[in-house]
Amino acid sequence: PVVGCKTVENSSMLLYNTHETLFVKGIEAANIDLYTLTGQKIRTVANQNEMSISGLQGIYVVVVKDNANNIKTGKIIIK
């Protein structure tokens, strides 16, 4: 489960999880990308506001782009 979520750039975006799925609220996501802290992209989804985080552990950066190409970022900690 995600034990800590923090919106980094924009307080209008909310990140939370249930049952190994990351949910994005407050923005209509065109793309969600998940990166390691070293910048390696490990997961991506298009046209969804949720992403599987099954099998992951550690700290990750979430990058969400909407249909107007606005980009918002957040950080998640998965234990």
Protein backbone atom coordinates (compact mmCIF):
# COMPACT_ATOMS: atom_id res chain seq x y z
CA PRO A 1 0.00 0.00 0.00
CA VAL A 2 1.00 3.61 -0.46
CA VAL A 3 1.95 4.94 2.96
CA GLY A 4 2.62 8.49 1.89
CA CYS A 5 1.49 10.60 -1.04
CA LYS A 6 2.50 14.19 -1.51
CA THR A 7 1.58 16.48 -4.36
CA VAL A 8 4.75 18.24 -5.41
CA GLU A 9 3.70 20.91 -7.92
CA ASN A 10 -0.04 21.38 -7.72
CA SER A 11 -2.34 21.03 -4.75
CA SER A 12 -5.37 20.42 -7.01
CA MET A 13 -4.15 16.90 -7.83
CA LEU A 14 -4.72 14.10 -5.33
CA LEU A 15 -2.88 10.76 -5.39
CA TYR A 16 -4.17 7.80 -3.37
CA ASN A 17 -4.37 4.03 -3.60
CA THR A 18 -6.57 1.06 -2.82
CA HIS A 19 -5.73 -2.59 -3.48
CA GLU A 20 -2.47 -2.01 -5.36
CA THR A 21 -3.90 0.63 -7.69
CA LEU A 22 -2.81 4.27 -7.82
CA PHE A 23 -5.65 6.74 -8.40
CA VAL A 24 -5.31 10.32 -9.66
CA LYS A 25 -8.09 12.79 -8.81
CA GLY A 26 -8.51 16.47 -9.63
CA ILE A 27 -7.21 16.19 -13.19
CA GLU A 28 -8.46 14.34 -16.26
CA ALA A 29 -5.34 12.38 -17.12
CA ALA A 30 -4.26 11.82 -20.71
CA ASN A 31 -1.11 10.01 -19.54
CA ILE A 32 0.24 8.82 -16.21
CA ASP A 33 3.93 7.93 -16.04
CA LEU A 34 5.69 6.38 -13.05
CA TYR A 35 9.43 6.99 -12.61
CA THR A 36 12.08 5.81 -10.18
CA LEU A 37 14.04 8.51 -8.35
CA THR A 38 16.86 7.97 -10.85
CA GLY A 39 14.53 8.93 -13.72
CA GLN A 40 13.80 5.50 -15.18
CA LYS A 41 10.23 5.22 -16.50
CA ILE A 42 8.79 1.96 -15.22
CA ARG A 43 5.06 2.20 -15.97
CA THR A 44 2.77 4.26 -18.15
CA VAL A 45 -0.97 4.35 -18.89
CA ALA A 46 -2.96 6.45 -21.34
CA ASN A 47 -6.46 7.89 -21.01
CA GLN A 48 -7.00 6.55 -17.49
CA ASN A 49 -7.01 8.04 -14.01
CA GLU A 50 -5.60 4.90 -12.39
CA MET A 51 -2.51 2.71 -12.65
CA SER A 52 -1.52 -0.66 -11.22
CA ILE A 53 1.28 -0.43 -8.65
CA SER A 54 1.26 -4.16 -7.96
CA GLY A 55 4.67 -5.57 -7.11
CA LEU A 56 6.33 -2.20 -6.53
CA GLN A 57 8.20 -1.05 -3.45
CA GLY A 58 10.07 2.21 -2.85
CA ILE A 59 9.73 5.90 -3.69
CA TYR A 60 8.43 6.93 -7.10
CA VAL A 61 7.62 10.11 -9.01
CA VAL A 62 4.22 10.29 -10.70
CA VAL A 63 3.93 12.54 -13.77
CA VAL A 64 0.41 13.28 -15.00
CA LYS A 65 -0.30 15.05 -18.28
CA ASP A 66 -3.81 16.20 -19.19
CA ASN A 67 -5.33 16.69 -22.65
CA ALA A 68 -4.18 20.34 -22.71
CA ASN A 69 -0.57 19.15 -22.11
CA ASN A 70 -0.49 20.55 -18.57
CA ILE A 71 1.91 18.50 -16.46
CA LYS A 72 1.56 17.84 -12.73
CA THR A 73 3.88 15.77 -10.58
CA GLY A 74 3.61 13.96 -7.28
CA LYS A 75 5.61 11.53 -5.17
CA ILE A 76 4.48 8.19 -3.74
CA ILE A 77 6.09 5.90 -1.18
CA ILE A 78 5.13 2.23 -1.50
CA LYS A 79 6.01 -0.26 1.27
